[in-house]
Amino acid sequence: MKAVLLIAGLGTRLRPLTDSIPKCLLPINGVPLLAIWFDKLLAAGVTEVLINTHWLAGQVSEFVADSTPKGLRVRVSYEPTLLGSAGTLAANRDFCSDGPFFIIYGDNLSDVDLGDLYASHMQQRPVLTLGTFEAECPERCGIAEIDPEGVVRGFVEKPERPLSNHAAAGIYVAEPDIFDYFPEYSNSSILDLGFDVIPKLVGQMRNYSINQLIDIGTPENYQKANGVLC
């Protein structure tokens, strides 16, 4: 089983903390966030992970070399220029070509059971199983409309007038044919899942509800995350 863990963000809202530490290595209750995700992925049965790097990439590569848990193989994909969430996937399509795979935004903290998410996906194998949570400020998120059977019937990124509070969590399971819905890609493309791909999958996605999700990208949320046990 494979996963793509997107961790290359600059963390600008967390400066000065992220002036010298990449956001993915900030400690949550003393444990680097990246280590928390590695442990969750390994517990779910993932054996191969691809991570993208950019800001302070050397620190991340050193952490991978020294602290990857046994049983997990990690491929590092350095991006001199950030490609966007979908751009990273497109640039590493070969990694994602042999079966369902996780897509995870690694700057989130969540209590999600990744093994249960994967099992839910495998029941019907939609193009994408979309992890969602109930957002306090849905206008800042990608918002899904979900029918009673759990099929995603609408999706808008950062809508002015949200029609629900079911927000994309950045925790998904995808089939390789998701790439059939990607825009044309070049090495200079910046592609975003929320804007460029997920809206095209309406009717071909199923929802998976996630109880707890914290984007650690602000000082307030980072402080909140450090009071949570996941």
Protein backbone atom coordinates (compact mmCIF):
# COMPACT_ATOMS: atom_id res chain seq x y z
CA MET A 1 0.00 0.00 0.00
CA LYS A 2 1.25 3.49 -0.86
CA ALA A 3 0.69 7.07 0.29
CA VAL A 4 1.58 10.52 -0.95
CA LEU A 5 2.19 12.84 1.99
CA LEU A 6 2.19 16.51 0.94
CA ILE A 7 4.47 18.45 3.31
CA ALA A 8 6.32 21.07 1.25
CA GLY A 9 4.43 24.15 2.41
CA LEU A 10 6.34 27.24 3.50
CA GLY A 11 4.49 27.71 6.79
CA THR A 12 4.55 31.49 6.42
CA ARG A 13 1.75 32.07 8.94
CA LEU A 14 3.79 30.30 11.63
CA ARG A 15 6.86 32.51 11.36
CA PRO A 16 9.17 32.92 13.19
CA LEU A 17 8.76 29.25 14.22
CA THR A 18 9.17 28.10 10.63
CA ASP A 19 12.13 30.35 9.86
CA SER A 20 14.41 27.55 11.06
CA ILE A 21 12.14 24.46 11.26
CA PRO A 22 9.97 23.17 8.41
CA LYS A 23 6.31 23.01 9.37
CA CYS A 24 6.16 19.23 9.04
CA LEU A 25 8.83 18.84 11.75
CA LEU A 26 7.21 21.11 14.31
CA PRO A 27 6.60 19.09 17.48
CA ILE A 28 3.09 18.14 18.59
CA ASN A 29 3.32 17.30 22.28
CA GLY A 30 7.04 16.69 21.72
CA VAL A 31 6.68 14.51 18.59
CA PRO A 32 7.37 15.89 15.08
CA LEU A 33 4.18 16.02 13.05
CA LEU A 34 5.83 14.02 10.26
CA ALA A 35 6.60 11.22 12.72
CA ILE A 36 2.94 11.13 13.78
CA TRP A 37 1.89 10.63 10.17
CA PHE A 38 4.56 8.00 9.55
CA ASP A 39 3.26 6.00 12.51
CA LYS A 40 -0.36 6.34 11.36
CA LEU A 41 0.51 5.21 7.84
CA LEU A 42 2.52 2.24 9.07
CA ALA A 43 -0.31 1.17 11.40
CA ALA A 44 -2.70 1.24 8.41
CA GLY A 45 -0.50 -1.12 6.42
CA VAL A 46 1.27 1.42 4.21
CA THR A 47 4.75 0.31 3.18
CA GLU A 48 5.78 3.06 0.73
CA VAL A 49 5.44 6.82 1.14
CA LEU A 50 6.31 9.66 -1.19
CA ILE A 51 6.85 13.07 0.38
CA ASN A 52 7.49 16.36 -1.40
CA THR A 53 9.96 18.87 0.00
CA HIS A 54 10.87 22.49 -0.65
CA TRP A 55 11.51 24.81 2.30
CA LEU A 56 14.39 23.58 4.50
CA ALA A 57 14.37 20.37 2.48
CA GLY A 58 17.70 19.22 3.92
CA GLN A 59 16.23 19.00 7.41
CA VAL A 60 13.36 16.87 6.15
CA SER A 61 15.69 14.54 4.24
CA GLU A 62 17.87 14.17 7.32
CA PHE A 63 14.83 13.33 9.43
CA VAL A 64 13.72 10.73 6.90
CA ALA A 65 17.17 9.16 6.89
CA ASP A 66 17.39 9.03 10.67
CA SER A 67 13.82 8.55 11.88
CA THR A 68 11.78 6.58 9.37
CA PRO A 69 10.19 3.67 11.26
CA LYS A 70 11.12 0.13 10.29
CA GLY A 71 8.82 -1.27 7.64
CA LEU A 72 8.27 2.03 5.86
CA ARG A 73 10.14 3.12 2.71
CA VAL A 74 10.13 6.84 1.98
CA ARG A 75 10.82 8.47 -1.37
CA VAL A 76 11.68 12.19 -1.22
CA SER A 77 10.63 14.36 -4.17
CA TYR A 78 12.32 17.75 -3.99
CA GLU A 79 10.51 20.65 -5.68
CA PRO A 80 12.74 23.64 -6.46
CA THR A 81 9.48 25.44 -7.27
CA LEU A 82 6.29 24.35 -5.55
CA LEU A 83 4.01 22.42 -7.93
CA GLY A 84 0.74 22.51 -5.98
CA SER A 85 -1.00 19.49 -4.51
CA ALA A 86 -2.14 18.06 -7.85
CA GLY A 87 1.12 19.07 -9.52
CA THR A 88 3.10 16.94 -7.08
CA LEU A 89 0.86 13.97 -7.85
CA ALA A 90 1.17 14.49 -11.60
CA ALA A 91 4.96 14.75 -11.39
CA ASN A 92 5.06 11.43 -9.51
CA ARG A 93 2.34 9.57 -11.37
CA ASP A 94 4.55 6.50 -11.72
CA PHE A 95 4.53 6.10 -7.92
CA CYS A 96 0.71 6.03 -7.85
CA SER A 97 0.00 3.73 -10.78
CA ASP A 98 -0.45 0.28 -9.23
CA GLY A 99 -3.48 0.49 -6.94
CA PRO A 100 -5.44 2.66 -4.49
CA PHE A 101 -3.25 5.13 -2.60
CA PHE A 102 -3.59 7.67 0.18
CA ILE A 103 -3.30 11.41 -0.47
CA ILE A 104 -2.67 13.28 2.77
CA TYR A 105 -1.94 16.93 3.48
CA GLY A 106 0.73 16.49 6.11
CA ASP A 107 0.25 19.86 7.83
CA ASN A 108 -2.94 18.59 9.46
CA LEU A 109 -3.34 16.75 12.74
CA SER A 110 -6.19 14.25 12.87
CA ASP A 111 -7.50 11.31 14.86
CA VAL A 112 -8.48 9.56 11.61
CA ASP A 113 -8.16 5.77 11.48
CA LEU A 114 -6.42 5.38 8.13
CA GLY A 115 -6.99 1.64 8.08
CA ASP A 116 -10.73 2.15 8.43
CA LEU A 117 -10.68 4.85 5.72
CA TYR A 118 -8.92 2.47 3.33
CA ALA A 119 -11.35 -0.35 4.12
CA SER A 120 -14.27 2.00 3.46
CA HIS A 121 -12.80 2.95 0.10
CA MET A 122 -12.32 -0.67 -0.89
CA GLN A 123 -16.00 -1.50 -0.37
CA GLN A 124 -17.01 0.33 -3.57
CA ARG A 125 -13.75 1.76 -4.96
CA PRO A 126 -14.91 5.15 -6.21
CA VAL A 127 -12.37 7.29 -8.03
CA LEU A 128 -11.84 9.15 -4.74
CA THR A 129 -12.94 8.67 -1.16
CA LEU A 130 -13.11 12.18 0.23
CA GLY A 131 -12.39 12.59 3.92
CA THR A 132 -14.49 15.44 5.31
CA PHE A 133 -14.93 17.18 8.64
CA GLU A 134 -17.42 19.72 9.95
CA ALA A 135 -15.82 23.13 9.43
CA GLU A 136 -16.44 26.13 11.68
CA CYS A 137 -15.66 28.49 8.77
CA PRO A 138 -16.74 26.63 5.61
CA GLU A 139 -16.11 29.63 3.36
CA ARG A 140 -12.38 29.03 3.91
CA CYS A 141 -12.51 25.38 2.84
CA GLY A 142 -13.37 23.08 -0.02
CA ILE A 143 -17.02 22.24 0.62
CA ALA A 144 -18.82 19.05 -0.39
CA GLU A 145 -22.52 18.39 -0.84
CA ILE A 146 -23.22 14.79 0.20
CA ASP A 147 -26.36 12.80 -0.56
CA PRO A 148 -27.95 10.33 1.90
CA GLU A 149 -26.02 7.43 0.32
CA GLY A 150 -22.69 9.17 0.95
CA VAL A 151 -22.05 10.15 -2.67
CA VAL A 152 -20.47 13.59 -3.15
CA ARG A 153 -22.87 15.47 -5.43
CA GLY A 154 -21.21 18.88 -5.37
CA PHE A 155 -17.86 20.42 -4.53
CA VAL A 156 -16.69 24.05 -4.47
CA GLU A 157 -13.35 25.32 -3.19
CA LYS A 158 -13.74 28.29 -0.82
CA PRO A 159 -17.33 29.17 -1.79
CA GLU A 160 -18.72 32.62 -0.97
CA ARG A 161 -22.02 31.00 0.06
CA PRO A 162 -21.32 27.48 1.35
CA LEU A 163 -24.17 25.01 0.91
CA SER A 164 -22.89 22.77 3.71
CA ASN A 165 -20.16 22.65 6.34
CA HIS A 166 -18.71 19.35 5.11
CA ALA A 167 -15.14 20.41 4.37
CA ALA A 168 -12.45 18.47 2.54
CA ALA A 169 -9.96 17.27 5.12
CA GLY A 170 -6.95 16.72 2.88
CA ILE A 171 -7.11 13.01 3.75
CA TYR A 172 -8.19 10.85 0.82
CA VAL A 173 -7.89 7.48 -0.89
CA ALA A 174 -7.66 7.61 -4.69
CA GLU A 175 -7.71 5.14 -7.54
CA PRO A 176 -4.99 5.52 -10.21
CA ASP A 177 -7.62 6.59 -12.75
CA ILE A 178 -7.92 9.89 -10.86
CA PHE A 179 -5.23 11.05 -13.28
CA ASP A 180 -7.76 10.84 -16.12
CA TYR A 181 -9.34 13.96 -14.58
CA PHE A 182 -6.15 16.02 -14.28
CA PRO A 183 -5.56 19.02 -16.54
CA GLU A 184 -2.69 18.81 -18.98
CA TYR A 185 0.53 18.87 -17.00
CA SER A 186 4.01 20.22 -17.66
CA ASN A 187 6.99 20.52 -15.35
CA SER A 188 6.16 24.20 -14.81
CA SER A 189 2.48 23.62 -14.02
CA ILE A 190 0.98 24.54 -10.66
CA LEU A 191 -2.07 22.36 -10.15
CA ASP A 192 -4.34 22.26 -7.12
CA LEU A 193 -6.55 19.33 -6.17
CA GLY A 194 -9.29 21.50 -4.72
CA PHE A 195 -9.61 23.81 -7.71
CA ASP A 196 -8.42 21.73 -10.66
CA VAL A 197 -9.33 18.10 -9.97
CA ILE A 198 -11.85 17.34 -7.21
CA PRO A 199 -14.72 19.38 -8.75
CA LYS A 200 -14.47 17.15 -11.85
CA LEU A 201 -15.12 14.07 -9.71
CA VAL A 202 -18.60 15.05 -8.55
CA GLY A 203 -20.76 11.94 -8.60
CA GLN A 204 -17.70 9.68 -8.57
CA MET A 205 -16.60 10.36 -4.99
CA ARG A 206 -17.84 8.97 -1.73
CA ASN A 207 -17.68 10.68 1.64
CA TYR A 208 -15.79 9.48 4.72
CA SER A 209 -16.49 11.51 7.85
CA ILE A 210 -13.57 12.43 10.08
CA ASN A 211 -14.16 13.49 13.66
CA GLN A 212 -11.14 15.64 14.42
CA LEU A 213 -8.90 17.70 12.15
CA ILE A 214 -6.63 20.63 12.98
CA ASP A 215 -4.65 22.55 10.37
CA ILE A 216 -1.60 23.57 12.37
CA GLY A 217 -0.81 26.43 9.97
CA THR A 218 -1.66 29.28 12.37
CA PRO A 219 -0.22 30.01 15.83
CA GLU A 220 -3.66 29.54 17.37
CA ASN A 221 -4.20 26.16 15.75
CA TYR A 222 -0.67 25.05 16.50
CA GLN A 223 -1.25 25.83 20.16
CA LYS A 224 -4.57 23.98 20.00
CA ALA A 225 -2.92 20.93 18.42
CA ASN A 226 -0.42 20.75 21.25
CA GLY A 227 -3.31 20.29 23.66
CA VAL A 228 -4.73 17.34 21.74
CA LEU A 229 -3.86 13.67 21.86
CA CYS A 230 -4.32 11.85 18.51
